Amino acid sequence: MAPIQRLLSPVVASLLLSACGETGDAQPSGTTGDDGATPSTSAADSTGAVDGTGAEGSTTGAPTPAMIPARGIHIDWVEANQGVGVPIGQDGAWVGPADRLARLLKNRVTLIRAFWTLEPDFEPREIEAHLLLSWPDGTTERIVQTKLVDGDAFIGDLARVFFWGIEAERAVPGLSYAIELYEHDPAYAEGAPESPPYFPEVEGAPVLVGIEDSYQLIKVTLVPFNYDDGGSCVTEPDTSETTMQLFQDLIFMMNPIDRLEFTLHEPVDWNTPLSNFGQLNSYLSDLRFEENAPPEMYYYGLVDVCSGGLGDAGGQAFGIPSDPTMDLAYQRVSSGLSLDPDWSAETFVHEVGHTQGRYHVYCNGEEGGPDPSYPNEGGVVGEWGFGVVDFDLRHPTVNKDYMTYCHPVWVGTWGWNKVQPFVETLSTWDSGYPGGGAPAGDDPYSGSLLVGTIGAHGSEDWITVPGGLGRAVPGELAIDLAYHDGRSVRMPAVVRTLPDSLDRQIVMPLPADFDDVAALQRVEDGQRVPIDRAAIRERHRSRAVHRAVP
């Protein structure tokens, strides 16, 4: 079934955080897509938006006529935040690449925050902070924010830090910055120092923000299922423009990407009762190869089953790939319920997170198989986050990692960096990757697989797909293959429990002569369970990849 390629408005857009005007308030001017429409923003909980609270003045362009160097105040450290905070200046000095906590991506809105220290005799008053920006093409800009400083800086209150925004299209490699502090009140001219407090004080000259020449892409195809269980449940999932924009906003804000390709598939009619998500995911894994989707594409199913759970879950992934390889494309599949839009969007990010190699994070104790290496107790993100679409700050302990079962959710540096290798590797397969990348050819897969989904309540679904086992090692469970010529071969298989459920997945390398197999049996714990040979959906021959011309 060929998809309708309806590409929704991309989240990557020109954003203006520091606006100019008579009032000079530093506040967002809106988020605009390529079509000029203003998309919806995330309703995720936060501690407040970047709306200029406490900023009495913010202007851009030439400095004010009275340039009176400030006294009694200095900039201690500077942070750039594109989702997670990255110190770019510390103790009056530049923070270089080796000491950065995360990458800064080009074409992604960037919040710059500067934190001051005060001398003991500092008198509360308005101070002008001048952000000096320089671009590689020689363009320069001075952005001035005037703020009442009456106490110590505090990272959780925008009224108690200097902050500026860099629009997405202006966040480019080679951008440098410096900060100067001036008095706002001319009465402080007498006795003023000869030069203003300058950051970075150690270098004494503008330094790089550190925007990298990135190409960080996520591709998602969302498949709506029109569900009819043959009884009283006849539904269509919510694929309204507002809800789909929310899905895009959340996955963009919580992932280290500078571009997002989101395709809404034509609806699929599902007219038999569902008992678990494995049935949908097996179908979607088959569908991605039927449609010759590129291996970097994520497929996500959305369904309303007239219940708050399906097989005791609100969503499920078709496994957790061990590595970002083309052979594991069959696992880049997940699905979830269409319920409250905010909840469904968070579930979308969570399940796609599994297919990016992420395990659960412990929070409320209901998360199965949590990642023991997660560093923050209770699943908290552990640091202040920033939404590049909704401009909200996220509290470090109120917000939990999006791989928990707690709410509200966000991402910390650990989770951000965890998916970075997956995003980066899959991006290189895109035909638009600089230099041509490494796009998959007519057959990018090393072999073929037999994949079975065994539901906790007894359902079974079997497909064959292109791919390989990756690092997975077969265990004691085996599949007996009976051939038409009388031969019998026992093949060891990999068994894994699927995330967010008790359903299992069985994966076996497919022999080249599978066409000659007459019957199959699953051998487990001394029991032999027949596998319906005629019910196996064979898709392992669909090995070509269709790509759009960049």
Protein backbone atom coordinates (compact mmCIF):
# COMPACT_ATOMS: atom_id res chain seq x y z
CA MET A 1 0.00 0.00 0.00
CA ALA A 2 1.70 3.18 -1.15
CA PRO A 3 1.70 6.10 1.30
CA ILE A 4 0.32 9.53 0.64
CA GLN A 5 3.42 11.68 1.10
CA ARG A 6 1.86 14.61 2.96
CA LEU A 7 4.86 16.39 4.43
CA LEU A 8 3.73 18.53 7.35
CA SER A 9 5.28 21.89 8.14
CA PRO A 10 8.83 21.37 9.46
CA VAL A 11 9.61 22.43 12.97
CA VAL A 12 12.90 23.97 11.92
CA ALA A 13 11.86 27.58 11.51
CA SER A 14 13.05 31.13 11.85
CA LEU A 15 12.52 32.11 15.46
CA LEU A 16 13.13 35.50 17.03
CA LEU A 17 13.73 35.41 20.77
CA SER A 18 15.03 38.93 21.33
CA ALA A 19 12.62 41.32 19.66
CA CYS A 20 13.17 44.99 18.91
CA GLY A 21 10.65 47.67 19.68
CA GLU A 22 9.88 50.69 21.78
CA THR A 23 9.37 48.61 24.89
CA GLY A 24 12.42 46.55 24.10
CA ASP A 25 11.13 43.46 25.92
CA ALA A 26 13.13 40.36 25.03
CA GLN A 27 10.44 37.92 24.09
CA PRO A 28 9.61 35.41 21.37
CA SER A 29 7.89 36.71 18.28
CA GLY A 30 6.49 33.31 17.32
CA THR A 31 7.36 30.10 15.57
CA THR A 32 6.79 30.02 11.84
CA GLY A 33 7.00 27.11 9.47
CA ASP A 34 7.98 27.20 5.83
CA ASP A 35 4.37 27.82 4.87
CA GLY A 36 4.19 30.92 7.05
CA ALA A 37 1.69 29.39 9.45
CA THR A 38 2.22 29.54 13.19
CA PRO A 39 2.20 25.96 14.48
CA SER A 40 0.99 24.87 17.88
CA THR A 41 3.43 24.54 20.73
CA SER A 42 3.98 21.89 23.33
CA ALA A 43 1.79 21.93 26.39
CA ALA A 44 4.42 20.11 28.41
CA ASP A 45 4.82 21.37 31.95
CA SER A 46 7.60 23.84 32.58
CA THR A 47 8.65 26.62 34.88
CA GLY A 48 8.03 29.52 32.57
CA ALA A 49 8.54 30.78 29.08
CA VAL A 50 11.32 32.91 27.70
CA ASP A 51 9.11 35.95 27.58
CA GLY A 52 11.40 38.66 28.83
CA THR A 53 10.19 38.63 32.42
CA GLY A 54 12.26 41.13 34.33
CA ALA A 55 13.88 42.59 31.22
CA GLU A 56 13.06 46.28 31.15
CA GLY A 57 14.82 46.84 27.88
CA SER A 58 16.31 44.92 24.99
CA THR A 59 17.46 46.48 21.76
CA THR A 60 19.58 45.48 18.82
CA GLY A 61 21.96 47.42 16.64
CA ALA A 62 24.27 50.27 17.64
CA PRO A 63 25.15 50.81 21.31
CA THR A 64 23.31 53.48 23.28
CA PRO A 65 24.91 56.95 23.20
CA ALA A 66 25.96 56.90 26.87
CA MET A 67 28.41 54.03 27.19
CA ILE A 68 29.19 54.03 30.89
CA PRO A 69 31.18 50.95 31.93
CA ALA A 70 29.45 49.08 34.76
CA ARG A 71 31.12 48.53 38.09
CA GLY A 72 30.64 46.02 40.87
CA ILE A 73 29.32 43.33 38.52
CA HIS A 74 30.99 40.73 36.31
CA ILE A 75 29.87 37.84 34.11
CA ASP A 76 30.95 34.56 35.70
CA TRP A 77 29.69 32.00 33.19
CA VAL A 78 27.69 31.72 29.98
CA GLU A 79 25.43 28.94 28.74
CA ALA A 80 24.05 28.05 25.32
CA ASN A 81 20.88 25.96 25.42
CA GLN A 82 19.26 24.19 22.46
CA GLY A 83 17.35 21.75 24.64
CA VAL A 84 20.00 21.02 27.24
CA GLY A 85 22.40 23.50 28.77
CA VAL A 86 25.96 23.67 27.45
CA PRO A 87 28.39 26.00 29.27
CA ILE A 88 30.34 27.97 26.65
CA GLY A 89 32.10 30.21 29.16
CA GLN A 90 33.19 29.46 32.71
CA ASP A 91 35.13 31.42 35.34
CA GLY A 92 35.67 34.27 32.91
CA ALA A 93 37.12 32.05 30.18
CA TRP A 94 35.98 30.27 27.04
CA VAL A 95 34.96 26.62 27.28
CA GLY A 96 36.52 24.78 24.36
CA PRO A 97 35.26 21.74 22.44
CA ALA A 98 36.96 19.17 24.67
CA ASP A 99 35.07 20.43 27.73
CA ARG A 100 31.62 20.84 26.17
CA LEU A 101 28.83 18.75 27.67
CA ALA A 102 27.02 18.35 24.34
CA ARG A 103 27.19 19.46 20.72
CA LEU A 104 25.63 22.72 19.57
CA LEU A 105 23.85 22.26 16.25
CA LYS A 106 23.46 24.68 13.39
CA ASN A 107 20.03 25.90 12.30
CA ARG A 108 18.59 25.33 15.77
CA VAL A 109 17.29 28.10 17.99
CA THR A 110 19.84 28.85 20.70
CA LEU A 111 19.20 30.50 24.05
CA ILE A 112 22.24 32.33 25.43
CA ARG A 113 22.23 33.03 29.17
CA ALA A 114 24.87 34.97 31.10
CA PHE A 115 25.19 34.71 34.89
CA TRP A 116 26.64 37.54 36.91
CA THR A 117 28.55 37.84 40.16
CA LEU A 118 28.32 40.94 42.35
CA GLU A 119 30.87 42.70 44.48
CA PRO A 120 29.88 43.31 48.13
CA ASP A 121 29.28 47.04 47.64
CA PHE A 122 27.07 46.64 44.54
CA GLU A 123 23.99 48.86 44.65
CA PRO A 124 20.78 47.44 43.10
CA ARG A 125 20.17 49.19 39.77
CA GLU A 126 19.60 48.66 36.07
CA ILE A 127 22.50 47.22 34.12
CA GLU A 128 22.84 46.92 30.35
CA ALA A 129 24.28 43.65 29.07
CA HIS A 130 25.54 43.91 25.49
CA LEU A 131 25.87 40.66 23.55
CA LEU A 132 28.30 41.18 20.69
CA LEU A 133 27.82 38.66 17.89
CA SER A 134 30.09 38.21 14.86
CA TRP A 135 29.36 35.98 11.89
CA PRO A 136 31.92 34.49 9.48
CA ASP A 137 30.72 36.76 6.66
CA GLY A 138 31.73 39.83 8.64
CA THR A 139 28.25 40.70 9.91
CA THR A 140 28.19 41.97 13.47
CA GLU A 141 25.39 42.77 15.85
CA ARG A 142 25.12 44.23 19.33
CA ILE A 143 22.04 43.08 21.28
CA VAL A 144 21.36 45.05 24.45
CA GLN A 145 19.32 43.83 27.38
CA THR A 146 18.60 46.12 30.31
CA LYS A 147 17.75 44.42 33.57
CA LEU A 148 17.27 45.42 37.19
CA VAL A 149 20.02 43.65 39.10
CA ASP A 150 19.20 43.48 42.80
CA GLY A 151 20.70 40.16 43.86
CA ASP A 152 22.58 37.08 42.81
CA ALA A 153 21.95 35.45 39.45
CA PHE A 154 19.78 32.34 39.47
CA ILE A 155 19.57 29.82 36.65
CA GLY A 156 15.89 29.09 37.22
CA ASP A 157 14.61 32.65 36.92
CA LEU A 158 14.93 34.62 33.70
CA ALA A 159 14.52 37.81 35.69
CA ARG A 160 17.82 37.00 37.39
CA VAL A 161 20.02 36.31 34.36
CA PHE A 162 20.84 38.10 31.14
CA PHE A 163 19.51 36.20 28.15
CA TRP A 164 19.34 36.51 24.39
CA GLY A 165 18.13 34.35 21.54
CA ILE A 166 19.82 33.40 18.31
CA GLU A 167 17.38 32.59 15.53
CA ALA A 168 17.69 29.20 13.87
CA GLU A 169 18.99 30.45 10.53
CA ARG A 170 21.63 32.59 12.28
CA ALA A 171 22.98 29.75 14.43
CA VAL A 172 25.84 28.80 12.13
CA PRO A 173 29.42 27.57 12.44
CA GLY A 174 31.92 30.33 13.02
CA LEU A 175 29.55 32.51 15.06
CA SER A 176 31.48 34.21 17.87
CA TYR A 177 30.37 36.18 20.91
CA ALA A 178 31.49 38.50 23.67
CA ILE A 179 29.60 40.31 26.43
CA GLU A 180 30.08 43.82 27.82
CA LEU A 181 28.33 45.38 30.81
CA TYR A 182 27.32 49.05 31.03
CA GLU A 183 25.44 51.29 33.41
CA HIS A 184 21.94 52.27 32.36
CA ASP A 185 21.65 55.29 34.66
CA PRO A 186 23.89 58.25 33.64
CA ALA A 187 24.20 59.12 37.33
CA TYR A 188 26.81 56.38 37.61
CA ALA A 189 29.13 58.03 35.11
CA GLU A 190 31.27 59.63 37.80
CA GLY A 191 34.00 57.28 38.93
CA ALA A 192 33.18 54.68 36.26
CA PRO A 193 36.06 52.43 35.13
CA GLU A 194 37.71 53.14 31.79
CA SER A 195 36.53 49.90 30.20
CA PRO A 196 33.45 47.76 30.77
CA PRO A 197 33.46 44.32 32.37
CA TYR A 198 34.17 41.99 29.46
CA PHE A 199 33.51 38.33 28.89
CA PRO A 200 35.57 36.32 28.16
CA GLU A 201 37.92 38.19 30.46
CA VAL A 202 40.71 35.65 30.07
CA GLU A 203 40.83 35.76 26.27
CA GLY A 204 39.95 39.44 26.04
CA ALA A 205 38.41 38.98 22.59
CA PRO A 206 35.31 37.36 21.05
CA VAL A 207 35.28 33.56 21.13
CA LEU A 208 33.29 30.95 19.26
CA VAL A 209 29.82 30.02 20.43
CA GLY A 210 30.76 26.59 19.12
CA ILE A 211 27.97 25.90 16.63
CA GLU A 212 29.00 22.82 14.65
CA ASP A 213 28.52 22.13 10.96
CA SER A 214 25.89 19.54 11.75
CA TYR A 215 23.47 17.47 9.69
CA GLN A 216 21.23 15.83 12.29
CA LEU A 217 18.06 14.36 10.80
CA ILE A 218 15.17 12.23 12.01
CA LYS A 219 12.70 10.79 9.50
CA VAL A 220 9.33 9.53 10.70
CA THR A 221 6.38 8.04 8.88
CA LEU A 222 3.27 8.05 11.07
CA VAL A 223 0.66 5.45 10.09
CA PRO A 224 -2.91 6.01 11.37
CA PHE A 225 -5.02 2.89 11.87
CA ASN A 226 -8.78 3.10 11.41
CA TYR A 227 -9.84 0.46 13.90
CA ASP A 228 -12.93 -1.77 13.88
CA ASP A 229 -12.87 -4.64 16.37
CA GLY A 230 -16.04 -6.14 14.93
CA GLY A 231 -18.01 -4.98 17.94
CA SER A 232 -18.63 -1.57 19.44
CA CYS A 233 -15.19 -0.02 18.92
CA VAL A 234 -14.99 1.77 15.58
CA THR A 235 -12.47 4.61 15.69
CA GLU A 236 -10.09 6.85 13.81
CA PRO A 237 -7.01 8.27 15.58
CA ASP A 238 -6.51 11.99 16.05
CA THR A 239 -4.34 13.14 13.14
CA SER A 240 -5.50 16.74 13.19
CA GLU A 241 -2.98 19.35 12.12
CA THR A 242 -2.69 20.60 15.70
CA THR A 243 -1.98 17.16 17.13
CA MET A 244 0.47 16.21 14.41
CA GLN A 245 2.31 19.49 14.95
CA LEU A 246 2.52 18.65 18.64
CA PHE A 247 4.09 15.28 17.79
CA GLN A 248 6.68 17.07 15.66
CA ASP A 249 7.33 19.77 18.24
CA LEU A 250 8.06 17.31 21.04
CA ILE A 251 10.34 14.99 19.09
CA PHE A 252 12.22 17.97 17.66
CA MET A 253 12.67 19.70 21.01
CA MET A 254 13.85 16.58 22.86
CA ASN A 255 16.27 15.24 20.24
CA PRO A 256 19.67 16.55 19.05
CA ILE A 257 18.49 17.31 15.52
CA ASP A 258 18.51 20.29 13.20
CA ARG A 259 15.93 18.93 10.76
CA LEU A 260 12.87 16.69 10.88
CA GLU A 261 11.07 14.93 8.05
CA PHE A 262 7.59 13.90 9.18
CA THR A 263 5.27 12.07 6.77
CA LEU A 264 1.64 11.32 7.53
CA HIS A 265 0.77 8.03 5.84
CA GLU A 266 -2.64 7.32 4.40
CA PRO A 267 -4.87 5.53 6.97
CA VAL A 268 -4.79 1.75 7.20
CA ASP A 269 -8.03 -0.11 7.95
CA TRP A 270 -7.68 -2.69 10.72
CA ASN A 271 -10.81 -4.81 11.00
CA THR A 272 -9.84 -7.53 13.48
CA PRO A 273 -9.57 -7.28 17.28
CA LEU A 274 -6.15 -6.30 18.62
CA SER A 275 -4.74 -7.94 21.74
CA ASN A 276 -1.30 -6.30 21.76
CA PHE A 277 0.86 -3.75 19.96
CA GLY A 278 3.06 -6.51 18.59
CA GLN A 279 0.40 -7.21 15.98
CA LEU A 280 0.56 -3.63 14.73
CA ASN A 281 4.34 -3.45 14.90
CA SER A 282 4.79 -6.68 12.99
CA TYR A 283 2.51 -5.25 10.31
CA LEU A 284 4.47 -1.98 10.27
CA SER A 285 7.80 -3.77 10.02
CA ASP A 286 6.44 -5.66 7.03
CA LEU A 287 4.99 -2.43 5.60
CA ARG A 288 8.25 -0.51 5.71
CA PHE A 289 9.88 -3.07 3.43
CA GLU A 290 6.82 -3.34 1.21
CA GLU A 291 7.13 0.40 0.67
CA ASN A 292 10.91 0.20 0.17
CA ALA A 293 11.46 2.74 2.94
CA PRO A 294 15.06 3.80 3.59
CA PRO A 295 16.65 2.09 6.60
CA GLU A 296 16.89 5.38 8.52
CA MET A 297 13.11 5.88 8.44
CA TYR A 298 11.14 5.33 11.66
CA TYR A 299 7.60 3.99 11.32
CA TYR A 300 5.06 4.79 14.03
CA GLY A 301 1.50 3.50 14.27
CA LEU A 302 -1.32 5.44 15.93
CA VAL A 303 -4.54 3.72 16.99
CA ASP A 304 -7.57 4.28 19.24
CA VAL A 305 -8.78 0.99 20.78
CA CYS A 306 -11.51 2.51 22.99
CA SER A 307 -9.34 1.84 26.04
CA GLY A 308 -6.51 3.35 28.01
CA GLY A 309 -4.30 0.39 27.23
CA LEU A 310 -3.64 -2.36 24.72
CA GLY A 311 -2.11 -5.49 26.17
CA ASP A 312 -1.52 -3.52 29.37
CA ALA A 313 0.52 -0.89 27.51
CA GLY A 314 -0.03 2.56 26.05
CA GLY A 315 2.59 1.99 23.39
CA GLN A 316 5.33 -0.38 22.36
CA ALA A 317 8.44 -0.57 20.22
CA PHE A 318 9.41 -3.50 18.02
CA GLY A 319 12.62 -3.96 19.97
CA ILE A 320 15.56 -1.84 21.06
CA PRO A 321 18.24 -1.84 18.35
CA SER A 322 21.70 -2.46 19.76
CA ASP A 323 23.44 -0.37 17.12
CA PRO A 324 22.60 2.19 14.41
CA THR A 325 22.94 -0.25 11.51
CA MET A 326 20.95 -0.77 8.34
CA ASP A 327 20.46 -4.43 9.26
CA LEU A 328 18.28 -3.40 12.22
CA ALA A 329 15.89 -1.28 10.16
CA TYR A 330 13.14 -3.83 10.85
CA GLN A 331 13.22 -2.71 14.51
CA ARG A 332 12.73 0.99 13.73
CA VAL A 333 9.03 0.48 14.28
CA SER A 334 6.75 1.37 17.18
CA SER A 335 3.15 2.32 17.90
CA GLY A 336 0.97 3.92 20.53
CA LEU A 337 -2.53 4.90 21.53
CA SER A 338 -4.37 7.97 20.33
CA LEU A 339 -5.71 9.47 23.54
CA ASP A 340 -5.08 12.92 25.01
CA PRO A 341 -2.85 14.71 22.47
CA ASP A 342 -0.16 15.64 25.02
CA TRP A 343 -0.01 12.10 26.39
CA SER A 344 0.01 10.57 22.90
CA ALA A 345 2.80 12.91 21.77
CA GLU A 346 4.92 12.00 24.79
CA THR A 347 4.29 8.31 24.09
CA PHE A 348 5.43 8.87 20.51
CA VAL A 349 8.74 10.35 21.71
CA HIS A 350 9.13 7.54 24.26
CA GLU A 351 8.56 4.71 21.80
CA VAL A 352 10.73 6.22 19.09
CA GLY A 353 13.32 6.59 21.85
CA HIS A 354 13.32 2.81 22.27
CA THR A 355 14.00 2.40 18.55
CA GLN A 356 16.92 4.81 18.96
CA GLY A 357 18.52 2.34 21.34
CA ARG A 358 17.22 3.75 24.62
CA TYR A 359 16.00 1.61 27.51
CA HIS A 360 13.63 2.71 30.24
CA VAL A 361 14.72 5.07 32.99
CA TYR A 362 13.62 4.23 36.53
CA CYS A 363 11.16 6.64 38.13
CA ASN A 364 7.92 5.21 39.55
CA GLY A 365 9.07 1.59 39.60
CA GLU A 366 6.77 0.43 36.82
CA GLU A 367 9.40 0.83 34.09
CA GLY A 368 10.56 -2.62 32.99
CA GLY A 369 14.26 -3.18 32.34
CA PRO A 370 15.53 0.29 33.27
CA ASP A 371 18.96 1.40 32.17
CA PRO A 372 21.26 0.98 35.21
CA SER A 373 23.71 3.55 33.83
CA TYR A 374 21.26 6.45 34.04
CA PRO A 375 23.04 8.90 36.37
CA ASN A 376 20.20 10.82 38.07
CA GLU A 377 18.22 9.31 40.92
CA GLY A 378 14.48 9.11 40.41
CA GLY A 379 14.71 9.68 36.68
CA VAL A 380 15.04 13.47 36.97
CA VAL A 381 16.68 15.20 34.02
CA GLY A 382 19.07 16.88 36.43
CA GLU A 383 19.51 20.26 34.72
CA TRP A 384 17.54 23.13 33.25
CA GLY A 385 16.20 22.47 29.77
CA PHE A 386 14.83 24.80 27.13
CA GLY A 387 12.19 24.20 24.47
CA VAL A 388 13.28 25.60 21.12
CA VAL A 389 9.67 25.58 19.89
CA ASP A 390 7.64 26.69 22.91
CA PHE A 391 10.46 28.68 24.59
CA ASP A 392 9.71 27.15 28.00
CA LEU A 393 12.34 26.38 30.62
CA ARG A 394 12.18 22.86 32.08
CA HIS A 395 12.93 22.38 35.77
CA PRO A 396 15.73 19.89 36.51
CA THR A 397 13.88 17.90 39.19
CA VAL A 398 10.23 18.49 38.29
CA ASN A 399 10.83 17.07 34.82
CA LYS A 400 11.72 13.40 34.38
CA ASP A 401 13.47 11.74 31.48
CA TYR A 402 11.10 10.89 28.61
CA MET A 403 12.00 7.20 28.97
CA THR A 404 10.34 7.06 32.41
CA TYR A 405 6.66 6.52 33.15
CA CYS A 406 6.52 9.80 35.09
CA HIS A 407 5.31 13.24 34.06
CA PRO A 408 6.15 15.90 33.01
CA VAL A 409 9.00 14.74 30.81
CA TRP A 410 12.03 16.28 29.20
CA VAL A 411 15.57 15.24 28.32
CA GLY A 412 18.85 15.81 30.12
CA THR A 413 22.37 15.87 28.77
CA TRP A 414 22.78 12.13 29.39
CA GLY A 415 19.73 11.18 27.31
CA TRP A 416 20.57 13.81 24.68
CA ASN A 417 24.04 12.37 24.19
CA LYS A 418 22.77 8.79 24.35
CA VAL A 419 20.85 9.10 21.08
CA GLN A 420 23.41 11.36 19.41
CA PRO A 421 25.36 8.47 17.75
CA PHE A 422 22.11 6.99 16.40
CA VAL A 423 20.95 10.30 14.97
CA GLU A 424 24.35 11.07 13.50
CA THR A 425 24.84 7.67 11.88
CA LEU A 426 21.35 7.43 10.41
CA SER A 427 21.70 10.97 9.06
CA THR A 428 24.71 9.93 6.97
CA TRP A 429 22.47 7.54 5.05
CA ASP A 430 20.29 10.38 3.80
CA SER A 431 20.86 11.28 0.16
CA GLY A 432 21.00 14.95 1.14
CA TYR A 433 23.88 14.46 3.55
CA PRO A 434 26.80 16.76 2.68
CA GLY A 435 29.08 15.04 0.22
CA GLY A 436 26.40 12.51 -0.66
CA GLY A 437 26.58 10.55 2.57
CA ALA A 438 26.36 6.79 2.40
CA PRO A 439 22.86 6.16 1.04
CA ALA A 440 21.70 2.58 0.98
CA GLY A 441 21.90 0.89 -2.40
CA ASP A 442 19.66 -1.61 -4.08
CA ASP A 443 20.34 -4.09 -1.28
CA PRO A 444 21.86 -2.57 1.86
CA TYR A 445 21.13 -5.59 4.06
CA SER A 446 23.52 -8.39 4.96
CA GLY A 447 20.91 -11.13 5.11
CA SER A 448 17.33 -11.98 5.99
CA LEU A 449 15.46 -12.80 9.18
CA LEU A 450 12.44 -14.71 10.43
CA VAL A 451 10.76 -12.56 13.09
CA GLY A 452 8.02 -13.83 15.36
CA THR A 453 5.95 -11.79 17.80
CA ILE A 454 4.53 -13.89 20.64
CA GLY A 455 1.87 -12.07 22.62
CA ALA A 456 1.63 -12.51 26.38
CA HIS A 457 -1.89 -13.87 25.89
CA GLY A 458 -1.02 -16.37 23.17
CA SER A 459 -1.18 -14.52 19.85
CA GLU A 460 1.55 -15.19 17.27
CA ASP A 461 2.60 -13.27 14.19
CA TRP A 462 5.48 -14.20 11.87
CA ILE A 463 7.18 -12.27 9.09
CA THR A 464 10.39 -12.46 7.10
CA VAL A 465 12.38 -9.27 6.56
CA PRO A 466 15.75 -8.13 5.24
CA GLY A 467 18.36 -7.62 7.95
CA GLY A 468 20.74 -9.19 10.41
CA LEU A 469 21.00 -10.01 14.10
CA GLY A 470 23.50 -7.29 14.95
CA ARG A 471 25.13 -8.03 18.28
CA ALA A 472 22.30 -10.28 19.46
CA VAL A 473 23.39 -13.84 20.27
CA PRO A 474 21.01 -16.79 19.75
CA GLY A 475 20.07 -18.68 22.90
CA GLU A 476 18.48 -22.00 23.77
CA LEU A 477 15.22 -21.47 21.92
CA ALA A 478 15.36 -22.91 18.42
CA ILE A 479 13.28 -23.26 15.28
CA ASP A 480 13.12 -26.64 13.58
CA LEU A 481 12.86 -26.40 9.80
CA ALA A 482 11.41 -29.37 7.90
CA TYR A 483 12.22 -29.37 4.19
CA HIS A 484 10.24 -30.83 1.33
CA ASP A 485 13.07 -33.29 0.62
CA GLY A 486 12.87 -34.75 4.13
CA ARG A 487 15.76 -32.84 5.70
CA SER A 488 15.40 -31.27 9.14
CA VAL A 489 17.54 -28.39 10.39
CA ARG A 490 17.50 -26.84 13.86
CA MET A 491 18.24 -23.10 13.91
CA PRO A 492 18.99 -21.32 17.21
CA ALA A 493 17.11 -18.05 17.65
CA VAL A 494 17.32 -14.83 19.61
CA VAL A 495 14.55 -14.24 22.16
CA ARG A 496 13.87 -10.83 23.67
CA THR A 497 11.07 -9.29 25.71
CA LEU A 498 9.60 -6.31 23.94
CA PRO A 499 9.65 -3.01 25.84
CA ASP A 500 6.55 -1.81 27.69
CA SER A 501 5.05 -5.32 27.73
CA LEU A 502 5.50 -9.03 28.41
CA ASP A 503 5.30 -9.83 24.70
CA ARG A 504 8.30 -11.58 23.20
CA GLN A 505 10.14 -11.36 19.91
CA ILE A 506 11.88 -14.36 18.35
CA VAL A 507 14.44 -13.69 15.61
CA MET A 508 16.24 -16.27 13.50
CA PRO A 509 18.61 -15.84 10.55
CA LEU A 510 16.71 -16.95 7.47
CA PRO A 511 18.44 -19.65 5.41
CA ALA A 512 18.94 -18.97 1.72
CA ASP A 513 16.81 -22.01 0.86
CA PHE A 514 13.80 -20.94 2.93
CA ASP A 515 11.57 -21.45 -0.11
CA ASP A 516 12.17 -25.19 0.28
CA VAL A 517 10.98 -25.25 3.90
CA ALA A 518 7.68 -27.09 4.26
CA ALA A 519 7.03 -26.73 8.00
CA LEU A 520 8.40 -25.02 11.09
CA GLN A 521 8.25 -25.70 14.81
CA ARG A 522 9.29 -23.57 17.74
CA VAL A 523 11.28 -25.62 20.26
CA GLU A 524 11.22 -24.17 23.76
CA ASP A 525 11.50 -25.68 27.24
CA GLY A 526 11.15 -29.17 25.83
CA GLN A 527 7.96 -28.32 23.97
CA ARG A 528 7.40 -28.12 20.25
CA VAL A 529 4.93 -25.51 18.98
CA PRO A 530 4.00 -25.58 15.28
CA ILE A 531 4.34 -22.36 13.26
CA ASP A 532 1.79 -21.93 10.50
CA ARG A 533 3.98 -21.88 7.38
CA ALA A 534 1.22 -20.41 5.22
CA ALA A 535 0.63 -17.53 7.67
CA ILE A 536 4.21 -16.25 7.50
CA ARG A 537 4.24 -12.96 5.59
CA GLU A 538 7.36 -13.03 3.45
CA ARG A 539 8.96 -9.66 2.81
CA HIS A 540 12.66 -10.56 2.82
CA ARG A 541 12.84 -10.21 -0.96
CA SER A 542 11.84 -6.51 -0.77
CA ARG A 543 15.39 -5.26 -0.47
CA ALA A 544 15.48 -2.17 -2.67
CA VAL A 545 15.36 1.31 -1.17
CA HIS A 546 13.41 4.18 -2.71
CA ARG A 547 14.82 7.63 -2.00
CA ALA A 548 13.59 11.07 -2.90
CA VAL A 549 15.98 13.07 -5.06
CA PRO A 550 17.52 15.82 -2.87
